[in-house]
Amino acid sequence: TSAEALAMGKWLLVPKHPCNVFFESFSNCLIYENG
């Protein structure tokens, strides 16, 4: 679902976590570490 959201040109908001490493290089990926 995260990959689909990026492919649809949306912002992706995800936690800093190993399962999200692939998305870190995308300009629309916003990574947070806390609330």
Full PDB file with SEQRES, HELIX, SHEET, SSBOND, CRYST1, ORIGX, SCALE, CONECT and MASTER records, all heavy atoms in Angstrom:
SEQRES   1 A   35  THR SER ALA GLU ALA LEU ALA MET GLY LYS TRP LEU LEU          
SEQRES   2 A   35  VAL PRO LYS HIS PRO CYS ASN VAL PHE PHE GLU SER PHE          
SEQRES   3 A   35  SER ASN CYS LEU ILE TYR GLU ASN GLY                          
HELIX    1 AA1 SER A    2  ALA A    7  1                                   6    
HELIX    2 AA2 PRO A   18  PHE A   23  5                                   6    
SHEET    1 AA1 2 LEU A  12  PRO A  15  0                                        
SHEET    2 AA1 2 CYS A  29  TYR A  32  1                                        
CRYST1    1.000    1.000    1.000  90.00  90.00  90.00 P 1           1          
ORIGX1      1.000000  0.000000  0.000000        0.00000                         
ORIGX2      0.000000  1.000000  0.000000        0.00000                         
ORIGX3      0.000000  0.000000  1.000000        0.00000                         
SCALE1      1.000000  0.000000  0.000000        0.00000                         
SCALE2      0.000000  1.000000  0.000000        0.00000                         
SCALE3      0.000000  0.000000  1.000000        0.00000                         
ATOM      1  N   THR A   1       0.824  -1.208   0.000  1.00  0.00           N  
ATOM      2  CA  THR A   1       0.000   0.000   0.000  1.00  0.00           C  
ATOM      3  C   THR A   1       0.857   1.256   0.000  1.00  0.00           C  
ATOM      4  O   THR A   1       0.491   2.263  -0.606  1.00  0.00           O  
ATOM      5  CB  THR A   1      -0.968   0.022   1.197  1.00  0.00           C  
ATOM      6  OG1 THR A   1      -0.224  -0.134   2.407  1.00  0.00           O  
ATOM      7  CG2 THR A   1      -2.009  -1.078   1.083  1.00  0.00           C  
ATOM      8  N   SER A   2       1.999   1.207   0.667  1.00  0.00           N  
ATOM      9  CA  SER A   2       2.909   2.363   0.672  1.00  0.00           C  
ATOM     10  C   SER A   2       3.469   2.600  -0.729  1.00  0.00           C  
ATOM     11  O   SER A   2       3.520   3.745  -1.195  1.00  0.00           O  
ATOM     12  CB  SER A   2       4.063   2.139   1.655  1.00  0.00           C  
ATOM     13  OG  SER A   2       3.582   2.112   2.975  1.00  0.00           O  
ATOM     14  N   ALA A   3       3.871   1.533  -1.403  1.00  0.00           N  
ATOM     15  CA  ALA A   3       4.384   1.659  -2.769  1.00  0.00           C  
ATOM     16  C   ALA A   3       3.298   2.181  -3.701  1.00  0.00           C  
ATOM     17  O   ALA A   3       3.554   3.033  -4.563  1.00  0.00           O  
ATOM     18  CB  ALA A   3       4.917   0.315  -3.262  1.00  0.00           C  
ATOM     19  N   GLU A   4       2.070   1.693  -3.541  1.00  0.00           N  
ATOM     20  CA  GLU A   4       0.958   2.169  -4.374  1.00  0.00           C  
ATOM     21  C   GLU A   4       0.705   3.652  -4.157  1.00  0.00           C  
ATOM     22  O   GLU A   4       0.449   4.388  -5.115  1.00  0.00           O  
ATOM     23  CB  GLU A   4      -0.313   1.367  -4.073  1.00  0.00           C  
ATOM     24  CG  GLU A   4      -0.271  -0.056  -4.567  1.00  0.00           C  
ATOM     25  CD  GLU A   4      -1.455  -0.889  -4.117  1.00  0.00           C  
ATOM     26  OE1 GLU A   4      -2.162  -0.482  -3.155  1.00  0.00           O  
ATOM     27  OE2 GLU A   4      -1.680  -1.955  -4.708  1.00  0.00           O  
ATOM     28  N   ALA A   5       0.760   4.096  -2.911  1.00  0.00           N  
ATOM     29  CA  ALA A   5       0.533   5.518  -2.624  1.00  0.00           C  
ATOM     30  C   ALA A   5       1.594   6.378  -3.313  1.00  0.00           C  
ATOM     31  O   ALA A   5       1.264   7.407  -3.911  1.00  0.00           O  
ATOM     32  CB  ALA A   5       0.545   5.756  -1.120  1.00  0.00           C  
ATOM     33  N   LEU A   6       2.839   5.972  -3.231  1.00  0.00           N  
ATOM     34  CA  LEU A   6       3.903   6.721  -3.924  1.00  0.00           C  
ATOM     35  C   LEU A   6       3.679   6.710  -5.424  1.00  0.00           C  
ATOM     36  O   LEU A   6       3.815   7.744  -6.085  1.00  0.00           O  
ATOM     37  CB  LEU A   6       5.277   6.134  -3.590  1.00  0.00           C  
ATOM     38  CG  LEU A   6       5.821   6.455  -2.206  1.00  0.00           C  
ATOM     39  CD1 LEU A   6       7.087   5.651  -1.936  1.00  0.00           C  
ATOM     40  CD2 LEU A   6       6.089   7.943  -2.055  1.00  0.00           C  
ATOM     41  N   ALA A   7       3.328   5.551  -5.971  1.00  0.00           N  
ATOM     42  CA  ALA A   7       3.093   5.444  -7.414  1.00  0.00           C  
ATOM     43  C   ALA A   7       1.940   6.329  -7.869  1.00  0.00           C  
ATOM     44  O   ALA A   7       1.942   6.826  -8.998  1.00  0.00           O  
ATOM     45  CB  ALA A   7       2.819   3.983  -7.798  1.00  0.00           C  
ATOM     46  N   MET A   8       0.973   6.574  -6.977  1.00  0.00           N  
ATOM     47  CA  MET A   8      -0.158   7.438  -7.300  1.00  0.00           C  
ATOM     48  C   MET A   8       0.169   8.910  -7.085  1.00  0.00           C  
ATOM     49  O   MET A   8      -0.683   9.770  -7.243  1.00  0.00           O  
ATOM     50  CB  MET A   8      -1.381   7.040  -6.480  1.00  0.00           C  
ATOM     51  CG  MET A   8      -1.985   5.717  -6.900  1.00  0.00           C  
ATOM     52  SD  MET A   8      -3.546   5.353  -6.054  1.00  0.00           S  
ATOM     53  CE  MET A   8      -2.961   4.765  -4.475  1.00  0.00           C  
ATOM     54  N   GLY A   9       1.424   9.198  -6.687  1.00  0.00           N  
ATOM     55  CA  GLY A   9       1.849  10.586  -6.525  1.00  0.00           C  
ATOM     56  C   GLY A   9       1.414  11.225  -5.221  1.00  0.00           C  
ATOM     57  O   GLY A   9       1.256  12.434  -5.142  1.00  0.00           O  
ATOM     58  N   LYS A  10       1.230  10.415  -4.181  1.00  0.00           N  
ATOM     59  CA  LYS A  10       0.798  10.940  -2.886  1.00  0.00           C  
ATOM     60  C   LYS A  10       2.000  11.073  -1.941  1.00  0.00           C  
ATOM     61  O   LYS A  10       3.027  10.439  -2.155  1.00  0.00           O  
ATOM     62  CB  LYS A  10      -0.234  10.007  -2.265  1.00  0.00           C  
ATOM     63  CG  LYS A  10      -1.481   9.847  -3.125  1.00  0.00           C  
ATOM     64  CD  LYS A  10      -2.482   8.922  -2.500  1.00  0.00           C  
ATOM     65  CE  LYS A  10      -3.669   8.646  -3.384  1.00  0.00           C  
ATOM     66  NZ  LYS A  10      -4.372   9.783  -3.886  1.00  0.00           N  
ATOM     67  N   TRP A  11       1.829  11.866  -0.890  1.00  0.00           N  
ATOM     68  CA  TRP A  11       2.794  11.867   0.200  1.00  0.00           C  
ATOM     69  C   TRP A  11       2.663  10.529   0.908  1.00  0.00           C  
ATOM     70  O   TRP A  11       1.561   9.986   1.034  1.00  0.00           O  
ATOM     71  CB  TRP A  11       2.474  12.954   1.220  1.00  0.00           C  
ATOM     72  CG  TRP A  11       2.744  14.357   0.814  1.00  0.00           C  
ATOM     73  CD1 TRP A  11       1.809  15.335   0.586  1.00  0.00           C  
ATOM     74  CD2 TRP A  11       4.012  14.990   0.615  1.00  0.00           C  
ATOM     75  NE1 TRP A  11       2.434  16.513   0.264  1.00  0.00           N  
ATOM     76  CE2 TRP A  11       3.792  16.334   0.276  1.00  0.00           C  
ATOM     77  CE3 TRP A  11       5.339  14.537   0.701  1.00  0.00           C  
ATOM     78  CZ2 TRP A  11       4.820  17.234   0.015  1.00  0.00           C  
ATOM     79  CZ3 TRP A  11       6.363  15.435   0.437  1.00  0.00           C  
ATOM     80  CH2 TRP A  11       6.100  16.765   0.100  1.00  0.00           C  
ATOM     81  N   LEU A  12       3.777  10.018   1.398  1.00  0.00           N  
ATOM     82  CA  LEU A  12       3.775   8.807   2.212  1.00  0.00           C  
ATOM     83  C   LEU A  12       4.391   9.165   3.553  1.00  0.00           C  
ATOM     84  O   LEU A  12       5.533   9.622   3.613  1.00  0.00           O  
ATOM     85  CB  LEU A  12       4.590   7.698   1.531  1.00  0.00           C  
ATOM     86  CG  LEU A  12       4.819   6.435   2.358  1.00  0.00           C  
ATOM     87  CD1 LEU A  12       3.487   5.742   2.663  1.00  0.00           C  
ATOM     88  CD2 LEU A  12       5.770   5.489   1.635  1.00  0.00           C  
ATOM     89  N   LEU A  13       3.641   8.992   4.616  1.00  0.00           N  
ATOM     90  CA  LEU A  13       4.101   9.296   5.969  1.00  0.00           C  
ATOM     91  C   LEU A  13       4.268   7.985   6.720  1.00  0.00           C  
ATOM     92  O   LEU A  13       3.286   7.270   6.955  1.00  0.00           O  
ATOM     93  CB  LEU A  13       3.079  10.210   6.663  1.00  0.00           C  
ATOM     94  CG  LEU A  13       3.386  10.696   8.056  1.00  0.00           C  
ATOM     95  CD1 LEU A  13       4.716  11.442   8.119  1.00  0.00           C  
ATOM     96  CD2 LEU A  13       2.268  11.599   8.554  1.00  0.00           C  
ATOM     97  N   VAL A  14       5.531   7.653   7.051  1.00  0.00           N  
ATOM     98  CA  VAL A  14       5.846   6.370   7.685  1.00  0.00           C  
ATOM     99  C   VAL A  14       6.869   6.558   8.805  1.00  0.00           C  
ATOM    100  O   VAL A  14       7.648   7.510   8.786  1.00  0.00           O  
ATOM    101  CB  VAL A  14       6.403   5.348   6.665  1.00  0.00           C  
ATOM    102  CG1 VAL A  14       5.356   4.936   5.651  1.00  0.00           C  
ATOM    103  CG2 VAL A  14       7.650   5.875   5.971  1.00  0.00           C  
ATOM    104  N   PRO A  15       6.887   5.620   9.752  1.00  0.00           N  
ATOM    105  CA  PRO A  15       7.898   5.698  10.812  1.00  0.00           C  
ATOM    106  C   PRO A  15       9.264   5.242  10.305  1.00  0.00           C  
ATOM    107  O   PRO A  15       9.365   4.458   9.357  1.00  0.00           O  
ATOM    108  CB  PRO A  15       7.371   4.726  11.877  1.00  0.00           C  
ATOM    109  CG  PRO A  15       6.547   3.737  11.126  1.00  0.00           C  
ATOM    110  CD  PRO A  15       5.958   4.502   9.960  1.00  0.00           C  
ATOM    111  N   LYS A  16      10.309   5.746  10.946  1.00  0.00           N  
ATOM    112  CA  LYS A  16      11.657   5.256  10.657  1.00  0.00           C  
ATOM    113  C   LYS A  16      11.723   3.839  11.193  1.00  0.00           C  
ATOM    114  O   LYS A  16      11.581   3.602  12.397  1.00  0.00           O  
ATOM    115  CB  LYS A  16      12.706   6.127  11.310  1.00  0.00           C  
ATOM    116  CG  LYS A  16      14.115   5.691  10.977  1.00  0.00           C  
ATOM    117  CD  LYS A  16      15.055   6.862  11.025  1.00  0.00           C  
ATOM    118  CE  LYS A  16      16.446   6.496  10.563  1.00  0.00           C  
ATOM    119  NZ  LYS A  16      16.535   6.333   9.114  1.00  0.00           N  
ATOM    120  N   HIS A  17      11.885   2.899  10.270  1.00  0.00           N  
ATOM    121  CA  HIS A  17      11.828   1.484  10.629  1.00  0.00           C  
ATOM    122  C   HIS A  17      12.416   0.681   9.472  1.00  0.00           C  
ATOM    123  O   HIS A  17      12.285   1.099   8.314  1.00  0.00           O  
ATOM    124  CB  HIS A  17      10.365   1.095  10.884  1.00  0.00           C  
ATOM    125  CG  HIS A  17      10.212  -0.254  11.483  1.00  0.00           C  
ATOM    126  ND1 HIS A  17      10.075  -1.388  10.724  1.00  0.00           N  
ATOM    127  CD2 HIS A  17      10.192  -0.663  12.782  1.00  0.00           C  
ATOM    128  CE1 HIS A  17       9.960  -2.443  11.519  1.00  0.00           C  
ATOM    129  NE2 HIS A  17      10.037  -2.018  12.778  1.00  0.00           N  
ATOM    130  N   PRO A  18      13.044  -0.466   9.749  1.00  0.00           N  
ATOM    131  CA  PRO A  18      13.622  -1.262   8.657  1.00  0.00           C  
ATOM    132  C   PRO A  18      12.641  -1.609   7.534  1.00  0.00           C  
ATOM    133  O   PRO A  18      13.038  -1.679   6.368  1.00  0.00           O  
ATOM    134  CB  PRO A  18      14.114  -2.524   9.374  1.00  0.00           C  
ATOM    135  CG  PRO A  18      14.433  -2.062  10.758  1.00  0.00           C  
ATOM    136  CD  PRO A  18      13.385  -1.007  11.060  1.00  0.00           C  
ATOM    137  N   CYS A  19      11.353  -1.779   7.853  1.00  0.00           N  
ATOM    138  CA  CYS A  19      10.391  -2.132   6.797  1.00  0.00           C  
ATOM    139  C   CYS A  19      10.138  -0.965   5.843  1.00  0.00           C  
ATOM    140  O   CYS A  19       9.525  -1.158   4.785  1.00  0.00           O  
ATOM    141  CB  CYS A  19       9.088  -2.663   7.382  1.00  0.00           C  
ATOM    142  SG  CYS A  19       8.075  -1.470   8.260  1.00  0.00           S  
ATOM    143  N   ASN A  20      10.618   0.226   6.172  1.00  0.00           N  
ATOM    144  CA  ASN A  20      10.400   1.397   5.312  1.00  0.00           C  
ATOM    145  C   ASN A  20      11.672   1.910   4.642  1.00  0.00           C  
ATOM    146  O   ASN A  20      11.634   2.946   3.979  1.00  0.00           O  
ATOM    147  CB  ASN A  20       9.764   2.518   6.136  1.00  0.00           C  
ATOM    148  CG  ASN A  20       8.366   2.161   6.567  1.00  0.00           C  
ATOM    149  OD1 ASN A  20       7.591   1.604   5.803  1.00  0.00           O  
ATOM    150  ND2 ASN A  20       8.052   2.454   7.815  1.00  0.00           N  
ATOM    151  N   VAL A  21      12.781   1.204   4.792  1.00  0.00           N  
ATOM    152  CA  VAL A  21      14.052   1.658   4.225  1.00  0.00           C  
ATOM    153  C   VAL A  21      13.944   1.880   2.719  1.00  0.00           C  
ATOM    154  O   VAL A  21      14.472   2.860   2.187  1.00  0.00           O  
ATOM    155  CB  VAL A  21      15.189   0.666   4.564  1.00  0.00           C  
ATOM    156  CG1 VAL A  21      16.446   0.959   3.763  1.00  0.00           C  
ATOM    157  CG2 VAL A  21      15.484   0.707   6.052  1.00  0.00           C  
ATOM    158  N   PHE A  22      13.242   1.004   2.023  1.00  0.00           N  
ATOM    159  CA  PHE A  22      13.102   1.138   0.571  1.00  0.00           C  
ATOM    160  C   PHE A  22      12.542   2.499   0.180  1.00  0.00           C  
ATOM    161  O   PHE A  22      12.933   3.073  -0.831  1.00  0.00           O  
ATOM    162  CB  PHE A  22      12.189   0.032   0.023  1.00  0.00           C  
ATOM    163  CG  PHE A  22      11.841   0.201  -1.433  1.00  0.00           C  
ATOM    164  CD1 PHE A  22      12.742  -0.129  -2.431  1.00  0.00           C  
ATOM    165  CD2 PHE A  22      10.604   0.711  -1.811  1.00  0.00           C  
ATOM    166  CE1 PHE A  22      12.429   0.039  -3.766  1.00  0.00           C  
ATOM    167  CE2 PHE A  22      10.281   0.887  -3.143  1.00  0.00           C  
ATOM    168  CZ  PHE A  22      11.194   0.539  -4.128  1.00  0.00           C  
ATOM    169  N   PHE A  23      11.650   3.051   0.974  1.00  0.00           N  
ATOM    170  CA  PHE A  23      10.954   4.288   0.624  1.00  0.00           C  
ATOM    171  C   PHE A  23      11.727   5.563   0.969  1.00  0.00           C  
ATOM    172  O   PHE A  23      11.374   6.648   0.517  1.00  0.00           O  
ATOM    173  CB  PHE A  23       9.580   4.328   1.303  1.00  0.00           C  
ATOM    174  CG  PHE A  23       8.731   3.138   0.978  1.00  0.00           C  
ATOM    175  CD1 PHE A  23       8.409   2.214   1.952  1.00  0.00           C  
ATOM    176  CD2 PHE A  23       8.280   2.924  -0.313  1.00  0.00           C  
ATOM    177  CE1 PHE A  23       7.631   1.106   1.645  1.00  0.00           C  
ATOM    178  CE2 PHE A  23       7.515   1.816  -0.637  1.00  0.00           C  
ATOM    179  CZ  PHE A  23       7.188   0.905   0.352  1.00  0.00           C  
ATOM    180  N   GLU A  24      12.765   5.452   1.772  1.00  0.00           N  
ATOM    181  CA  GLU A  24      13.476   6.627   2.280  1.00  0.00           C  
ATOM    182  C   GLU A  24      13.994   7.558   1.191  1.00  0.00           C  
ATOM    183  O   GLU A  24      14.067   8.758   1.394  1.00  0.00           O  
ATOM    184  CB  GLU A  24      14.629   6.205   3.195  1.00  0.00           C  
ATOM    185  CG  GLU A  24      14.161   5.663   4.519  1.00  0.00           C  
ATOM    186  CD  GLU A  24      15.308   5.242   5.426  1.00  0.00           C  
ATOM    187  OE1 GLU A  24      16.495   5.353   5.028  1.00  0.00           O  
ATOM    188  OE2 GLU A  24      15.013   4.793   6.541  1.00  0.00           O  
ATOM    189  N   SER A  25      14.367   7.023   0.038  1.00  0.00           N  
ATOM    190  CA  SER A  25      14.956   7.863  -1.019  1.00  0.00           C  
ATOM    191  C   SER A  25      13.912   8.605  -1.860  1.00  0.00           C  
ATOM    192  O   SER A  25      14.274   9.449  -2.680  1.00  0.00           O  
ATOM    193  CB  SER A  25      15.844   7.009  -1.932  1.00  0.00           C  
ATOM    194  OG  SER A  25      15.052   6.072  -2.641  1.00  0.00           O  
ATOM    195  N   PHE A  26      12.635   8.318  -1.663  1.00  0.00           N  
ATOM    196  CA  PHE A  26      11.588   8.974  -2.450  1.00  0.00           C  
ATOM    197  C   PHE A  26      11.321  10.379  -1.905  1.00  0.00           C  
ATOM    198  O   PHE A  26      11.181  10.573  -0.701  1.00  0.00           O  
ATOM    199  CB  PHE A  26      10.297   8.152  -2.428  1.00  0.00           C  
ATOM    200  CG  PHE A  26      10.367   6.912  -3.269  1.00  0.00           C  
ATOM    201  CD1 PHE A  26      10.932   5.752  -2.771  1.00  0.00           C  
ATOM    202  CD2 PHE A  26       9.881   6.920  -4.572  1.00  0.00           C  
ATOM    203  CE1 PHE A  26      10.998   4.610  -3.552  1.00  0.00           C  
ATOM    204  CE2 PHE A  26       9.958   5.785  -5.358  1.00  0.00           C  
ATOM    205  CZ  PHE A  26      10.518   4.621  -4.845  1.00  0.00           C  
ATOM    206  N   SER A  27      11.212  11.327  -2.815  1.00  0.00           N  
ATOM    207  CA  SER A  27      11.012  12.723  -2.401  1.00  0.00           C  
ATOM    208  C   SER A  27       9.683  12.945  -1.682  1.00  0.00           C  
ATOM    209  O   SER A  27       9.552  13.882  -0.900  1.00  0.00           O  
ATOM    210  CB  SER A  27      11.117  13.655  -3.611  1.00  0.00           C  
ATOM    211  OG  SER A  27      10.155  13.318  -4.590  1.00  0.00           O  
ATOM    212  N   ASN A  28       8.708  12.083  -1.918  1.00  0.00           N  
ATOM    213  CA  ASN A  28       7.400  12.225  -1.265  1.00  0.00           C  
ATOM    214  C   ASN A  28       7.265  11.369  -0.005  1.00  0.00           C  
ATOM    215  O   ASN A  28       6.179  11.268   0.553  1.00  0.00           O  
ATOM    216  CB  ASN A  28       6.268  11.886  -2.240  1.00  0.00           C  
ATOM    217  CG  ASN A  28       6.113  12.936  -3.307  1.00  0.00           C  
ATOM    218  OD1 ASN A  28       6.492  14.086  -3.112  1.00  0.00           O  
ATOM    219  ND2 ASN A  28       5.576  12.553  -4.446  1.00  0.00           N  
ATOM    220  N   CYS A  29       8.356  10.751   0.412  1.00  0.00           N  
ATOM    221  CA  CYS A  29       8.322   9.948   1.624  1.00  0.00           C  
ATOM    222  C   CYS A  29       8.746  10.810   2.809  1.00  0.00           C  
ATOM    223  O   CYS A  29       9.840  11.384   2.813  1.00  0.00           O  
ATOM    224  CB  CYS A  29       9.235   8.734   1.503  1.00  0.00           C  
ATOM    225  SG  CYS A  29       9.159   7.669   2.960  1.00  0.00           S  
ATOM    226  N   LEU A  30       7.879  10.910   3.776  1.00  0.00           N  
ATOM    227  CA  LEU A  30       8.127  11.681   4.995  1.00  0.00           C  
ATOM    228  C   LEU A  30       8.277  10.693   6.154  1.00  0.00           C  
ATOM    229  O   LEU A  30       7.340   9.942   6.445  1.00  0.00           O  
ATOM    230  CB  LEU A  30       6.976  12.646   5.256  1.00  0.00           C  
ATOM    231  CG  LEU A  30       6.646  13.598   4.091  1.00  0.00           C  
ATOM    232  CD1 LEU A  30       5.370  14.364   4.376  1.00  0.00           C  
ATOM    233  CD2 LEU A  30       7.807  14.535   3.830  1.00  0.00           C  
ATOM    234  N   ILE A  31       9.437  10.705   6.785  1.00  0.00           N  
ATOM    235  CA  ILE A  31       9.742   9.721   7.819  1.00  0.00           C  
ATOM    236  C   ILE A  31       9.829  10.403   9.180  1.00  0.00           C  
ATOM    237  O   ILE A  31      10.523  11.403   9.334  1.00  0.00           O  
ATOM    238  CB  ILE A  31      11.059   9.005   7.496  1.00  0.00           C  
ATOM    239  CG1 ILE A  31      10.927   8.265   6.163  1.00  0.00           C  
ATOM    240  CG2 ILE A  31      11.438   8.039   8.607  1.00  0.00           C  
ATOM    241  CD1 ILE A  31      12.193   7.635   5.675  1.00  0.00           C  
ATOM    242  N   TYR A  32       9.108   9.862  10.129  1.00  0.00           N  
ATOM    243  CA  TYR A  32       9.118  10.418  11.476  1.00  0.00           C  
ATOM    244  C   TYR A  32       9.721   9.416  12.465  1.00  0.00           C  
ATOM    245  O   TYR A  32       9.695   8.208  12.232  1.00  0.00           O  
ATOM    246  CB  TYR A  32       7.710  10.815  11.915  1.00  0.00           C  
ATOM    247  CG  TYR A  32       6.734   9.666  11.980  1.00  0.00           C  
ATOM    248  CD1 TYR A  32       6.587   8.930  13.148  1.00  0.00           C  
ATOM    249  CD2 TYR A  32       5.962   9.320  10.879  1.00  0.00           C  
ATOM    250  CE1 TYR A  32       5.703   7.873  13.218  1.00  0.00           C  
ATOM    251  CE2 TYR A  32       5.069   8.266  10.950  1.00  0.00           C  
ATOM    252  CZ  TYR A  32       4.944   7.549  12.106  1.00  0.00           C  
ATOM    253  OH  TYR A  32       4.071   6.499  12.178  1.00  0.00           O  
ATOM    254  N   GLU A  33      10.263   9.959  13.542  1.00  0.00           N  
ATOM    255  CA  GLU A  33      10.839   9.129  14.599  1.00  0.00           C  
ATOM    256  C   GLU A  33      10.095   9.265  15.922  1.00  0.00           C  
ATOM    257  O   GLU A  33      10.349   8.500  16.849  1.00  0.00           O  
ATOM    258  CB  GLU A  33      12.317   9.470  14.794  1.00  0.00           C  
ATOM    259  CG  GLU A  33      13.163   9.138  13.573  1.00  0.00           C  
ATOM    260  CD  GLU A  33      14.642   9.321  13.823  1.00  0.00           C  
ATOM    261  OE1 GLU A  33      15.143   8.812  14.861  1.00  0.00           O  
ATOM    262  OE2 GLU A  33      15.296   9.960  12.994  1.00  0.00           O  
ATOM    263  N   ASN A  34       9.186  10.232  16.016  1.00  0.00           N  
ATOM    264  CA  ASN A  34       8.436  10.424  17.265  1.00  0.00           C  
ATOM    265  C   ASN A  34       7.121  11.135  16.945  1.00  0.00           C  
ATOM    266  O   ASN A  34       6.873  11.529  15.802  1.00  0.00           O  
ATOM    267  CB  ASN A  34       9.264  11.214  18.279  1.00  0.00           C  
ATOM    268  CG  ASN A  34       9.735  12.548  17.736  1.00  0.00           C  
ATOM    269  OD1 ASN A  34       8.952  13.332  17.191  1.00  0.00           O  
ATOM    270  ND2 ASN A  34      11.026  12.817  17.882  1.00  0.00           N  
ATOM    271  N   GLY A  35       6.305  11.291  17.974  1.00  0.00           N  
ATOM    272  CA  GLY A  35       4.989  11.896  17.793  1.00  0.00           C  
ATOM    273  C   GLY A  35       5.037  13.335  17.319  1.00  0.00           C  
ATOM    274  O   GLY A  35       4.191  13.768  16.535  1.00  0.00           O  
TER     275      GLY A  35                                                      
MASTER        0    0    0    2    2    0    0    6  274    1    0    3          
END                                                                             
